[in-house]
Every structure is written in structure tokens, then in C-alpha cells.
């Protein structure tokens, strides 16, 4: 039983891809270096939109994966 639990924990570990790390750093520097309140507001709205879209995509993928019609799970 303990071995099964360890496998699940290992499965949940992930690494942020290098490309995403660069995007994050670029956006972080843009926010930190900006003194324009309107530009910062626009960036915040953009980040909220991306986070919302990403969440919807992840939920959609999970829904498709656990669907009874999923061919991968049937095999």
C-alpha cells in the first residue's frame, strides 16, 4: 500500500518548462519596471484572462480523460 502511495506522489510532481520560465521572467520584469498604472492594469487583466483560459483547458482535458467514451481508458 505504501508503494502505491509513493507512485501517486511521484506522478504529481512536475517541472515548469524552460520556455514558460522565460515567459514568466519577461512578464515579471515588465510589471516590475512599469510605473504606468494603466499598463499594469492591462497586464493584470491579460494575466487573469490567461489563467481563466488555462483553467478551462485543464478542466476540459480532465473531463475528456475521465469520460466513459475515452478510448485510452477502455484499452
N, C-alpha and C. Protein backbone atom coordinates (compact mmCIF):
# COMPACT_ATOMS: atom_id res chain seq x y z
N UNK A 1 0.83 -1.19 0.00
CA UNK A 1 0.00 0.00 0.00
C UNK A 1 0.87 1.25 0.00
N UNK A 2 1.94 1.23 0.77
CA UNK A 2 2.84 2.39 0.85
C UNK A 2 3.49 2.66 -0.50
N UNK A 3 3.83 1.61 -1.24
CA UNK A 3 4.46 1.76 -2.55
C UNK A 3 3.53 2.47 -3.52
N UNK A 4 2.25 2.12 -3.49
CA UNK A 4 1.25 2.75 -4.35
C UNK A 4 1.15 4.23 -4.06
N UNK A 5 1.19 4.59 -2.81
CA UNK A 5 1.09 5.99 -2.39
C UNK A 5 2.29 6.78 -2.92
N UNK A 6 3.49 6.19 -2.86
CA UNK A 6 4.69 6.85 -3.36
C UNK A 6 4.59 7.11 -4.85
N UNK A 7 4.05 6.15 -5.60
CA UNK A 7 3.90 6.32 -7.04
C UNK A 7 2.98 7.48 -7.37
N UNK A 8 1.89 7.63 -6.63
CA UNK A 8 0.97 8.73 -6.86
C UNK A 8 1.64 10.07 -6.58
N UNK A 9 2.43 10.14 -5.52
CA UNK A 9 3.13 11.39 -5.19
C UNK A 9 4.13 11.73 -6.29
N UNK A 10 4.87 10.74 -6.78
CA UNK A 10 5.82 10.99 -7.87
C UNK A 10 5.10 11.49 -9.11
N UNK A 11 3.92 10.95 -9.37
CA UNK A 11 3.16 11.33 -10.56
C UNK A 11 2.74 12.79 -10.50
N UNK A 12 2.50 13.31 -9.29
CA UNK A 12 2.03 14.68 -9.15
C UNK A 12 3.15 15.72 -9.26
N UNK A 13 4.39 15.29 -9.19
CA UNK A 13 5.49 16.23 -9.31
C UNK A 13 5.63 16.64 -10.77
N UNK A 14 5.93 17.92 -10.98
CA UNK A 14 6.08 18.41 -12.33
C UNK A 14 7.16 19.48 -12.37
N UNK A 15 7.64 19.77 -13.56
CA UNK A 15 8.64 20.80 -13.78
C UNK A 15 8.04 21.84 -14.72
N UNK A 16 8.30 23.10 -14.43
CA UNK A 16 7.87 24.17 -15.33
C UNK A 16 8.85 24.19 -16.49
N UNK A 17 8.35 24.08 -17.73
CA UNK A 17 9.24 24.08 -18.89
C UNK A 17 10.08 25.36 -18.95
N UNK A 18 11.26 25.24 -19.48
CA UNK A 18 12.19 26.37 -19.58
C UNK A 18 11.56 27.54 -20.34
N UNK A 19 10.84 27.23 -21.40
CA UNK A 19 10.18 28.28 -22.19
C UNK A 19 9.21 29.08 -21.32
N UNK A 20 8.44 28.40 -20.48
CA UNK A 20 7.49 29.07 -19.59
C UNK A 20 8.22 29.89 -18.52
N UNK A 21 9.36 29.41 -18.08
CA UNK A 21 10.15 30.17 -17.12
C UNK A 21 10.62 31.49 -17.73
N UNK A 22 11.03 31.45 -19.00
CA UNK A 22 11.46 32.67 -19.68
C UNK A 22 10.29 33.64 -19.86
N UNK A 23 9.13 33.12 -20.24
CA UNK A 23 7.95 33.97 -20.40
C UNK A 23 7.61 34.63 -19.07
N UNK A 24 7.62 33.85 -17.99
CA UNK A 24 7.32 34.40 -16.68
C UNK A 24 8.30 35.52 -16.31
N UNK A 25 9.58 35.28 -16.52
CA UNK A 25 10.59 36.27 -16.16
C UNK A 25 10.42 37.55 -16.97
N UNK A 26 10.12 37.40 -18.26
CA UNK A 26 9.90 38.58 -19.11
C UNK A 26 8.70 39.39 -18.64
N UNK A 27 7.61 38.70 -18.32
CA UNK A 27 6.41 39.39 -17.86
C UNK A 27 6.61 40.01 -16.47
N UNK A 28 7.31 39.29 -15.62
CA UNK A 28 7.60 39.80 -14.28
C UNK A 28 8.41 41.10 -14.36
N UNK A 29 9.40 41.10 -15.22
CA UNK A 29 10.23 42.31 -15.37
C UNK A 29 9.42 43.46 -15.96
N UNK A 30 8.50 43.14 -16.86
CA UNK A 30 7.65 44.19 -17.43
C UNK A 30 6.80 44.84 -16.35
N UNK A 31 6.24 44.02 -15.47
CA UNK A 31 5.40 44.56 -14.39
C UNK A 31 6.25 45.35 -13.40
N UNK A 32 7.38 44.77 -13.00
CA UNK A 32 8.24 45.44 -12.03
C UNK A 32 8.81 46.76 -12.55
N UNK A 33 9.08 46.81 -13.86
CA UNK A 33 9.71 48.00 -14.43
C UNK A 33 8.73 49.08 -14.86
N UNK A 34 7.45 48.80 -14.77
CA UNK A 34 6.45 49.75 -15.24
C UNK A 34 5.97 50.66 -14.11
N UNK A 35 5.92 51.95 -14.43
CA UNK A 35 5.35 52.91 -13.49
C UNK A 35 4.00 53.41 -13.99
N UNK A 36 3.59 52.92 -15.15
CA UNK A 36 2.33 53.32 -15.76
C UNK A 36 1.21 52.44 -15.19
N UNK A 37 0.34 53.04 -14.41
CA UNK A 37 -0.74 52.29 -13.74
C UNK A 37 -1.67 51.65 -14.77
N UNK A 38 -1.97 52.35 -15.84
CA UNK A 38 -2.86 51.79 -16.87
C UNK A 38 -2.24 50.55 -17.52
N UNK A 39 -0.94 50.60 -17.77
CA UNK A 39 -0.26 49.44 -18.37
C UNK A 39 -0.29 48.26 -17.41
N UNK A 40 -0.10 48.51 -16.13
CA UNK A 40 -0.13 47.44 -15.14
C UNK A 40 -1.54 46.85 -15.05
N UNK A 41 -2.56 47.69 -15.12
CA UNK A 41 -3.95 47.20 -15.10
C UNK A 41 -4.21 46.30 -16.31
N UNK A 42 -3.73 46.73 -17.48
CA UNK A 42 -3.92 45.92 -18.69
C UNK A 42 -3.21 44.57 -18.56
N UNK A 43 -2.00 44.58 -17.98
CA UNK A 43 -1.27 43.33 -17.78
C UNK A 43 -2.02 42.42 -16.82
N UNK A 44 -2.57 42.98 -15.75
CA UNK A 44 -3.32 42.18 -14.77
C UNK A 44 -4.54 41.53 -15.41
N UNK A 45 -5.23 42.29 -16.25
CA UNK A 45 -6.40 41.74 -16.95
C UNK A 45 -5.97 40.63 -17.90
N UNK A 46 -4.86 40.84 -18.60
CA UNK A 46 -4.32 39.83 -19.51
C UNK A 46 -3.97 38.55 -18.74
N UNK A 47 -3.29 38.70 -17.59
CA UNK A 47 -2.94 37.54 -16.78
C UNK A 47 -4.17 36.80 -16.28
N UNK A 48 -5.18 37.55 -15.87
CA UNK A 48 -6.43 36.92 -15.42
C UNK A 48 -7.09 36.15 -16.55
N UNK A 49 -7.06 36.71 -17.75
CA UNK A 49 -7.65 36.03 -18.91
C UNK A 49 -6.89 34.74 -19.22
N UNK A 50 -5.58 34.80 -19.20
CA UNK A 50 -4.77 33.61 -19.47
C UNK A 50 -5.02 32.54 -18.41
N UNK A 51 -5.06 32.94 -17.14
CA UNK A 51 -5.29 31.98 -16.07
C UNK A 51 -6.65 31.31 -16.21
N UNK A 52 -7.66 32.10 -16.56
CA UNK A 52 -9.01 31.56 -16.73
C UNK A 52 -9.07 30.59 -17.90
N UNK A 53 -8.46 30.96 -19.02
CA UNK A 53 -8.45 30.08 -20.19
C UNK A 53 -7.69 28.79 -19.91
N UNK A 54 -6.56 28.92 -19.24
CA UNK A 54 -5.75 27.75 -18.93
C UNK A 54 -6.52 26.80 -18.01
N UNK A 55 -7.21 27.35 -17.03
CA UNK A 55 -8.00 26.54 -16.12
C UNK A 55 -9.12 25.81 -16.87
N UNK A 56 -9.77 26.50 -17.80
CA UNK A 56 -10.84 25.87 -18.59
C UNK A 56 -10.28 24.73 -19.45
N UNK A 57 -9.11 24.94 -20.01
CA UNK A 57 -8.49 23.90 -20.85
C UNK A 57 -8.15 22.68 -20.00
N UNK A 58 -7.56 22.91 -18.83
CA UNK A 58 -7.20 21.79 -17.95
C UNK A 58 -8.44 21.02 -17.52
N UNK A 59 -9.49 21.74 -17.13
CA UNK A 59 -10.73 21.07 -16.74
C UNK A 59 -11.33 20.29 -17.91
N UNK A 60 -11.26 20.84 -19.10
CA UNK A 60 -11.78 20.14 -20.28
C UNK A 60 -10.99 18.87 -20.57
N UNK A 61 -9.67 18.95 -20.45
CA UNK A 61 -8.83 17.77 -20.68
C UNK A 61 -9.12 16.68 -19.64
N UNK A 62 -9.28 17.09 -18.40
CA UNK A 62 -9.59 16.11 -17.34
C UNK A 62 -10.95 15.48 -17.60
N UNK A 63 -11.93 16.30 -17.98
CA UNK A 63 -13.27 15.78 -18.27
C UNK A 63 -13.21 14.77 -19.40
N UNK A 64 -12.45 15.09 -20.46
CA UNK A 64 -12.32 14.15 -21.58
C UNK A 64 -11.60 12.87 -21.15
N UNK A 65 -10.60 13.01 -20.30
CA UNK A 65 -9.83 11.85 -19.87
C UNK A 65 -10.67 10.88 -19.05
N UNK A 66 -11.52 11.40 -18.19
CA UNK A 66 -12.32 10.51 -17.33
C UNK A 66 -13.65 10.13 -17.96
N UNK A 67 -13.90 10.60 -19.16
CA UNK A 67 -15.14 10.28 -19.85
C UNK A 67 -15.21 8.78 -20.15
N UNK A 68 -16.38 8.18 -20.01
CA UNK A 68 -16.52 6.74 -20.32
C UNK A 68 -16.25 6.44 -21.80
N UNK A 69 -16.33 7.46 -22.64
CA UNK A 69 -16.10 7.26 -24.07
C UNK A 69 -14.61 7.36 -24.44
N UNK A 70 -13.75 7.59 -23.48
CA UNK A 70 -12.33 7.75 -23.75
C UNK A 70 -11.74 6.42 -24.18
N UNK A 71 -11.17 6.37 -25.36
CA UNK A 71 -10.63 5.13 -25.92
C UNK A 71 -9.43 4.65 -25.13
N UNK A 72 -8.62 5.56 -24.62
CA UNK A 72 -7.42 5.16 -23.90
C UNK A 72 -7.76 4.39 -22.63
N UNK A 73 -8.78 4.83 -21.93
CA UNK A 73 -9.16 4.15 -20.69
C UNK A 73 -9.80 2.80 -20.95
N UNK A 74 -10.38 2.60 -22.12
CA UNK A 74 -11.02 1.33 -22.42
C UNK A 74 -10.02 0.25 -22.75
N UNK A 75 -8.84 0.63 -23.21
CA UNK A 75 -7.86 -0.38 -23.63
C UNK A 75 -7.08 -0.95 -22.49
